[in-house]
C-alpha atoms as a PDB file:
ATOM      1  CA  UNK A   1      79.056  76.749  91.189  1.00  0.00           C
ATOM      2  CA  UNK A   2      82.519  76.244  90.227  1.00  0.00           C
ATOM      3  CA  UNK A   3      83.746  80.104  89.910  1.00  0.00           C
ATOM      4  CA  UNK A   4      83.270  80.737  93.328  1.00  0.00           C
ATOM      5  CA  UNK A   5      84.992  79.653  96.391  1.00  0.00           C
ATOM      6  CA  UNK A   6      84.085  79.448 100.188  1.00  0.00           C
ATOM      7  CA  UNK A   7      87.018  81.443 101.607  1.00  0.00           C
ATOM      8  CA  UNK A   8      85.713  81.614 105.245  1.00  0.00           C
ATOM      9  CA  UNK A   9      82.381  81.462 107.404  1.00  0.00           C
ATOM     10  CA  UNK A  10      81.828  82.709 110.590  1.00  0.00           C
ATOM     11  CA  UNK A  11      78.768  83.591 112.952  1.00  0.00           C
ATOM     12  CA  UNK A  12      80.674  85.902 115.206  1.00  0.00           C
ATOM     13  CA  UNK A  13      81.363  89.580 113.852  1.00  0.00           C
ATOM     14  CA  UNK A  14      84.591  90.100 115.728  1.00  0.00           C
ATOM     15  CA  UNK A  15      85.730  87.145 113.629  1.00  0.00           C
ATOM     16  CA  UNK A  16      84.361  88.108 110.536  1.00  0.00           C
ATOM     17  CA  UNK A  17      86.006  91.629 110.896  1.00  0.00           C
ATOM     18  CA  UNK A  18      89.244  89.751 110.802  1.00  0.00           C
ATOM     19  CA  UNK A  19      88.361  87.441 108.362  1.00  0.00           C
ATOM     20  CA  UNK A  20      88.078  90.925 105.559  1.00  0.00           C
ATOM     21  CA  UNK A  21      90.940  92.179 107.301  1.00  0.00           C
ATOM     22  CA  UNK A  22      93.494  89.494 106.258  1.00  0.00           C
ATOM     23  CA  UNK A  23      91.370  87.851 103.169  1.00  0.00           C
ATOM     24  CA  UNK A  24      90.628  89.153 100.046  1.00  0.00           C
ATOM     25  CA  UNK A  25      86.592  88.387 100.415  1.00  0.00           C
ATOM     26  CA  UNK A  26      84.955  89.088  97.046  1.00  0.00           C
ATOM     27  CA  UNK A  27      81.259  88.587  97.849  1.00  0.00           C
ATOM     28  CA  UNK A  28      79.902  88.271 101.489  1.00  0.00           C
ATOM     29  CA  UNK A  29      76.529  86.296 102.291  1.00  0.00           C
ATOM     30  CA  UNK A  30      75.720  88.243 105.643  1.00  0.00           C
ATOM     31  CA  UNK A  31      72.886  87.250 108.004  1.00  0.00           C
ATOM     32  CA  UNK A  32      70.962  90.080 110.116  1.00  0.00           C
ATOM     33  CA  UNK A  33      70.861  87.913 113.403  1.00  0.00           C
ATOM     34  CA  UNK A  34      74.209  87.656 115.058  1.00  0.00           C
ATOM     35  CA  UNK A  35      75.142  87.586 118.536  1.00  0.00           C
ATOM     36  CA  UNK A  36      76.274  90.610 120.284  1.00  0.00           C
ATOM     37  CA  UNK A  37      76.531  92.710 116.632  1.00  0.00           C
ATOM     38  CA  UNK A  38      73.802  92.520 114.096  1.00  0.00           C
ATOM     39  CA  UNK A  39      74.135  92.321 110.232  1.00  0.00           C
ATOM     40  CA  UNK A  40      73.279  95.875 109.521  1.00  0.00           C
ATOM     41  CA  UNK A  41      76.053  97.619 112.289  1.00  0.00           C
ATOM     42  CA  UNK A  42      78.532  95.447 111.370  1.00  0.00           C
ATOM     43  CA  UNK A  43      77.947  96.390 107.683  1.00  0.00           C
ATOM     44  CA  UNK A  44      78.257  99.771 108.543  1.00  0.00           C
ATOM     45  CA  UNK A  45      81.688  99.530 110.722  1.00  0.00           C
ATOM     46  CA  UNK A  46      83.389  98.051 107.355  1.00  0.00           C
ATOM     47  CA  UNK A  47      85.299 100.831 105.468  1.00  0.00           C
ATOM     48  CA  UNK A  48      85.751  98.931 102.821  1.00  0.00           C
ATOM     49  CA  UNK A  49      83.013  96.140 102.804  1.00  0.00           C
ATOM     50  CA  UNK A  50      83.110  93.623  99.771  1.00  0.00           C
ATOM     51  CA  UNK A  51      79.658  93.321  97.771  1.00  0.00           C
ATOM     52  CA  UNK A  52      77.176  91.824 100.258  1.00  0.00           C
ATOM     53  CA  UNK A  53      73.874  89.497 100.147  1.00  0.00           C
ATOM     54  CA  UNK A  54      71.977  89.685 102.942  1.00  0.00           C
ATOM     55  CA  UNK A  55      69.954  86.957 103.886  1.00  0.00           C
ATOM     56  CA  UNK A  56      67.687  86.892 106.645  1.00  0.00           C
ATOM     57  CA  UNK A  57      64.092  86.183 108.282  1.00  0.00           C
ATOM     58  CA  UNK A  58      63.301  90.161 108.810  1.00  0.00           C
ATOM     59  CA  UNK A  59      61.772  91.668 106.066  1.00  0.00           C
ATOM     60  CA  UNK A  60      62.113  94.930 108.106  1.00  0.00           C
ATOM     61  CA  UNK A  61      66.008  95.896 107.102  1.00  0.00           C
ATOM     62  CA  UNK A  62      65.471  96.397 103.867  1.00  0.00           C
ATOM     63  CA  UNK A  63      65.303  99.249 102.807  1.00  0.00           C
ATOM     64  CA  UNK A  64      68.415 100.172 105.219  1.00  0.00           C
ATOM     65  CA  UNK A  65      70.262  97.159 103.564  1.00  0.00           C
ATOM     66  CA  UNK A  66      70.091  98.772  99.986  1.00  0.00           C
ATOM     67  CA  UNK A  67      70.677 101.925 101.105  1.00  0.00           C
ATOM     68  CA  UNK A  68      73.464 100.224 102.289  1.00  0.00           C
ATOM     69  CA  UNK A  69      74.681  99.108  98.697  1.00  0.00           C
ATOM     70  CA  UNK A  70      73.894  95.367  99.188  1.00  0.00           C
ATOM     71  CA  UNK A  71      73.878  93.665  95.673  1.00  0.00           C
ATOM     72  CA  UNK A  72      70.507  91.318  97.651  1.00  0.00           C
ATOM     73  CA  UNK A  73      67.640  90.961  99.854  1.00  0.00           C
ATOM     74  CA  UNK A  74      67.059  87.262 100.778  1.00  0.00           C
ATOM     75  CA  UNK A  75      64.445  86.426 102.813  1.00  0.00           C
ATOM     76  CA  UNK A  76      64.007  82.925 104.454  1.00  0.00           C
ATOM     77  CA  UNK A  77      63.607  80.085 103.483  1.00  0.00           C
ATOM     78  CA  UNK A  78      66.049  80.815 100.259  1.00  0.00           C
ATOM     79  CA  UNK A  79      64.581  79.134  97.014  1.00  0.00           C
ATOM     80  CA  UNK A  80      67.381  77.830  94.708  1.00  0.00           C
ATOM     81  CA  UNK A  81      65.821  79.895  91.931  1.00  0.00           C
ATOM     82  CA  UNK A  82      66.039  83.387  94.283  1.00  0.00           C
ATOM     83  CA  UNK A  83      69.638  82.368  95.193  1.00  0.00           C
ATOM     84  CA  UNK A  84      70.559  81.955  91.570  1.00  0.00           C
ATOM     85  CA  UNK A  85      68.968  84.966  90.661  1.00  0.00           C
ATOM     86  CA  UNK A  86      71.091  86.889  93.255  1.00  0.00           C
ATOM     87  CA  UNK A  87      74.423  85.697  92.143  1.00  0.00           C
ATOM     88  CA  UNK A  88      73.736  86.583  88.378  1.00  0.00           C
ATOM     89  CA  UNK A  89      73.002  90.059  89.542  1.00  0.00           C
ATOM     90  CA  UNK A  90      76.037  90.095  91.139  1.00  0.00           C
ATOM     91  CA  UNK A  91      78.112  88.449  88.424  1.00  0.00           C
ATOM     92  CA  UNK A  92      76.375  91.343  86.067  1.00  0.00           C
ATOM     93  CA  UNK A  93      77.783  94.157  88.158  1.00  0.00           C
ATOM     94  CA  UNK A  94      81.234  93.006  88.053  1.00  0.00           C
ATOM     95  CA  UNK A  95      80.692  93.358  83.975  1.00  0.00           C
ATOM     96  CA  UNK A  96      79.407  96.772  84.259  1.00  0.00           C
ATOM     97  CA  UNK A  97      81.912  97.905  87.349  1.00  0.00           C
ATOM     98  CA  UNK A  98      84.597  95.316  86.512  1.00  0.00           C
ATOM     99  CA  UNK A  99      87.676  97.293  88.073  1.00  0.00           C
ATOM    100  CA  UNK A 100      85.973  99.860  89.860  1.00  0.00           C
ATOM    101  CA  UNK A 101      87.716 102.500  88.349  1.00  0.00           C
ATOM    102  CA  UNK A 102      86.794 104.136  85.054  1.00  0.00           C
ATOM    103  CA  UNK A 103      87.941 107.002  82.297  1.00  0.00           C
ATOM    104  CA  UNK A 104      85.602 109.501  81.510  1.00  0.00           C
ATOM    105  CA  UNK A 105      87.562 112.172  79.066  1.00  0.00           C
ATOM    106  CA  UNK A 106      91.109 111.021  77.451  1.00  0.00           C
ATOM    107  CA  UNK A 107      93.891 111.665  80.008  1.00  0.00           C
ATOM    108  CA  UNK A 108      92.198 114.097  81.775  1.00  0.00           C
ATOM    109  CA  UNK A 109      89.766 112.609  84.438  1.00  0.00           C
ATOM    110  CA  UNK A 110      88.444 109.297  85.881  1.00  0.00           C
ATOM    111  CA  UNK A 111      85.790 107.805  87.430  1.00  0.00           C
ATOM    112  CA  UNK A 112      85.812 106.118  90.835  1.00  0.00           C
ATOM    113  CA  UNK A 113      83.123 103.773  92.186  1.00  0.00           C
ATOM    114  CA  UNK A 114      83.651 104.081  95.971  1.00  0.00           C
ATOM    115  CA  UNK A 115      80.287 103.740  98.614  1.00  0.00           C
ATOM    116  CA  UNK A 116      77.949 103.046  96.248  1.00  0.00           C
ATOM    117  CA  UNK A 117      78.920 106.699  94.717  1.00  0.00           C
ATOM    118  CA  UNK A 118      80.426 107.851  91.418  1.00  0.00           C
ATOM    119  CA  UNK A 119      83.400 110.452  92.153  1.00  0.00           C
ATOM    120  CA  UNK A 120      84.887 112.439  89.362  1.00  0.00           C
ATOM    121  CA  UNK A 121      88.616 112.842  89.683  1.00  0.00           C
ATOM    122  CA  UNK A 122      90.524 115.527  87.686  1.00  0.00           C
ATOM    123  CA  UNK A 123      93.664 113.715  87.112  1.00  0.00           C
ATOM    124  CA  UNK A 124      95.713 117.133  87.334  1.00  0.00           C
ATOM    125  CA  UNK A 125      94.251 117.404  90.898  1.00  0.00           C
ATOM    126  CA  UNK A 126      95.369 113.741  91.786  1.00  0.00           C
ATOM    127  CA  UNK A 127      98.463 114.108  94.111  1.00  0.00           C
ATOM    128  CA  UNK A 128      99.523 110.252  95.298  1.00  0.00           C
ATOM    129  CA  UNK A 129      97.478 107.020  95.391  1.00  0.00           C
ATOM    130  CA  UNK A 130      98.541 105.552  98.111  1.00  0.00           C
ATOM    131  CA  UNK A 131      97.938 101.764  98.369  1.00  0.00           C
ATOM    132  CA  UNK A 132      97.151  99.507 101.481  1.00  0.00           C
ATOM    133  CA  UNK A 133      96.074  95.416 100.403  1.00  0.00           C
ATOM    134  CA  UNK A 134      93.802  95.118  97.700  1.00  0.00           C
ATOM    135  CA  UNK A 135      92.369  99.087  97.951  1.00  0.00           C
ATOM    136  CA  UNK A 136      93.903 102.076  96.979  1.00  0.00           C
ATOM    137  CA  UNK A 137      93.285 105.655  98.233  1.00  0.00           C
ATOM    138  CA  UNK A 138      93.459 108.628  95.584  1.00  0.00           C
ATOM    139  CA  UNK A 139      94.374 111.377  97.705  1.00  0.00           C
ATOM    140  CA  UNK A 140      93.881 114.840  95.431  1.00  0.00           C
ATOM    141  CA  UNK A 141      94.138 118.663  96.729  1.00  0.00           C
ATOM    142  CA  UNK A 142      91.561 118.886  99.019  1.00  0.00           C
ATOM    143  CA  UNK A 143      89.628 114.886  99.239  1.00  0.00           C
ATOM    144  CA  UNK A 144      90.724 111.453  99.156  1.00  0.00           C
ATOM    145  CA  UNK A 145      88.858 108.577  97.084  1.00  0.00           C
ATOM    146  CA  UNK A 146      89.254 104.959  98.604  1.00  0.00           C
ATOM    147  CA  UNK A 147      88.151 101.722  96.621  1.00  0.00           C
ATOM    148  CA  UNK A 148      88.772  98.136  96.083  1.00  0.00           C
ATOM    149  CA  UNK A 149      91.638  98.359  93.162  1.00  0.00           C
ATOM    150  CA  UNK A 150      95.655  97.291  92.585  1.00  0.00           C
ATOM    151  CA  UNK A 151      98.069  99.528  92.582  1.00  0.00           C
ATOM    152  CA  UNK A 152     100.048  97.885  90.093  1.00  0.00           C
ATOM    153  CA  UNK A 153      96.741  98.379  87.352  1.00  0.00           C
ATOM    154  CA  UNK A 154      96.487 101.996  88.121  1.00  0.00           C
ATOM    155  CA  UNK A 155     100.173 102.350  87.585  1.00  0.00           C
ATOM    156  CA  UNK A 156      99.971 100.990  83.911  1.00  0.00           C
ATOM    157  CA  UNK A 157      96.836 103.037  83.563  1.00  0.00           C
ATOM    158  CA  UNK A 158      98.154 106.417  84.633  1.00  0.00           C
ATOM    159  CA  UNK A 159     102.346 105.927  83.914  1.00  0.00           C
ATOM    160  CA  UNK A 160     101.766 107.830  80.625  1.00  0.00           C
ATOM    161  CA  UNK A 161     100.761 110.826  82.270  1.00  0.00           C
ATOM    162  CA  UNK A 162     103.892 111.524  84.405  1.00  0.00           C
ATOM    163  CA  UNK A 163     102.559 109.270  87.116  1.00  0.00           C
ATOM    164  CA  UNK A 164     105.850 107.441  89.090  1.00  0.00           C
ATOM    165  CA  UNK A 165     105.811 104.610  91.685  1.00  0.00           C
ATOM    166  CA  UNK A 166     108.511 105.165  93.900  1.00  0.00           C
ATOM    167  CA  UNK A 167     107.211 102.554  96.598  1.00  0.00           C
ATOM    168  CA  UNK A 168     105.397  99.425  96.721  1.00  0.00           C
ATOM    169  CA  UNK A 169     102.539 101.743  98.171  1.00  0.00           C
ATOM    170  CA  UNK A 170     103.006 104.315  96.348  1.00  0.00           C
ATOM    171  CA  UNK A 171     102.607 105.806  93.170  1.00  0.00           C
ATOM    172  CA  UNK A 172     102.673 109.876  92.817  1.00  0.00           C
ATOM    173  CA  UNK A 173     102.292 112.447  90.491  1.00  0.00           C
ATOM    174  CA  UNK A 174     105.581 114.085  89.369  1.00  0.00           C
ATOM    175  CA  UNK A 175     104.202 117.689  88.439  1.00  0.00           C
ATOM    176  CA  UNK A 176     102.864 117.702  91.896  1.00  0.00           C
ATOM    177  CA  UNK A 177     106.970 116.847  93.800  1.00  0.00           C
ATOM    178  CA  UNK A 178     107.426 119.577  95.876  1.00  0.00           C
ATOM    179  CA  UNK A 179     111.316 118.709  97.471  1.00  0.00           C
ATOM    180  CA  UNK A 180     113.062 115.559  97.029  1.00  0.00           C
ATOM    181  CA  UNK A 181     115.637 113.524  98.543  1.00  0.00           C
ATOM    182  CA  UNK A 182     117.733 110.392  97.783  1.00  0.00           C
ATOM    183  CA  UNK A 183     115.297 108.413 100.692  1.00  0.00           C
ATOM    184  CA  UNK A 184     112.178 110.592 100.095  1.00  0.00           C
ATOM    185  CA  UNK A 185     109.613 113.128  97.829  1.00  0.00           C
ATOM    186  CA  UNK A 186     107.660 115.796  99.530  1.00  0.00           C
ATOM    187  CA  UNK A 187     104.358 116.349  97.939  1.00  0.00           C
ATOM    188  CA  UNK A 188     103.041 119.537 100.232  1.00  0.00           C
ATOM    189  CA  UNK A 189     103.207 118.485 103.837  1.00  0.00           C
ATOM    190  CA  UNK A 190     103.501 114.664 103.161  1.00  0.00           C
ATOM    191  CA  UNK A 191     106.908 113.121 103.410  1.00  0.00           C
ATOM    192  CA  UNK A 192     106.763 109.736 100.941  1.00  0.00           C
ATOM    193  CA  UNK A 193     109.290 107.366 101.630  1.00  0.00           C
ATOM    194  CA  UNK A 194     111.338 105.808  98.400  1.00  0.00           C
ATOM    195  CA  UNK A 195     111.328 102.396  98.601  1.00  0.00           C
ATOM    196  CA  UNK A 196     114.649 100.923  98.221  1.00  0.00           C
ATOM    197  CA  UNK A 197     113.788  98.396  94.956  1.00  0.00           C
ATOM    198  CA  UNK A 198     112.991 101.900  93.155  1.00  0.00           C
ATOM    199  CA  UNK A 199     115.573 104.400  94.174  1.00  0.00           C
ATOM    200  CA  UNK A 200     117.261 103.908  90.735  1.00  0.00           C
ATOM    201  CA  UNK A 201     114.643 104.491  88.682  1.00  0.00           C
ATOM    202  CA  UNK A 202     113.824 107.363  90.802  1.00  0.00           C
ATOM    203  CA  UNK A 203     117.084 108.850  90.441  1.00  0.00           C
ATOM    204  CA  UNK A 204     117.020 108.132  87.266  1.00  0.00           C
ATOM    205  CA  UNK A 205     113.288 109.192  85.906  1.00  0.00           C
ATOM    206  CA  UNK A 206     113.784 112.903  88.039  1.00  0.00           C
ATOM    207  CA  UNK A 207     117.532 113.292  86.665  1.00  0.00           C
ATOM    208  CA  UNK A 208     115.300 113.871  83.116  1.00  0.00           C
ATOM    209  CA  UNK A 209     112.196 115.474  84.054  1.00  0.00           C
ATOM    210  CA  UNK A 210     112.706 117.917  87.236  1.00  0.00           C
END
C-alpha cells in the first residue's frame, strides 16, 4: 500500500520504545511474544501509544488487547483479506477522529480523545497548553489531558479566543495570567518562559490587553 511507509522494525521491546520516543509512528504492528517483555505489557508502558494492530498466535490476550484500545487483533496465520480489513478499520478510525480534537459548542468547549476516552474541556478552564514533539498536554484548573496533536494547529484554532503562543512549546490563555516579566509569564504557580522569537509579539499583545 503506497500510503504506508515502514519506518522501523524491532524484535526487542527496549529498542521499540526508543524508536517510538524518537520517531513519529502512526501505526504499530505488535506481536505478543517478544523476549523479556510481552506485547501487552509493553503496550501498557506507553504513555502515548500510536495506533496498534496486534498480530499473534495467542487468542487469550484478545480481551485485554481491546481494553487497551487496539485497532484490531489478528490471529496467525494472517490472511491478506484479514490484514486488509484491519488496515481499512485503521483508516476509517482516522477519518472519524482525524485530529483527536473536536469542537463541541461554539467557542465554549473542546473534546479531546486521549487513552481511549473522550474528555470534554471548557475553554474557560484551560490554563495553558504544552507541546512535546507531536503531542500536546492541555493543562486545566484541576486536571490535564494529553493527545497526539500539533501545537501549531491548536494555536490556529484557539488564537481568536485569547490564546497566545509565547514559546515554541507553550500556548497560554491570556485570561489566566497572574504575573509577567520581559522573560516569563506566570499562571498560578507555573512560570512559563517567553521564547526569544516570541518576545516582541508577546510584549505588543500584552500591552493592548492587560
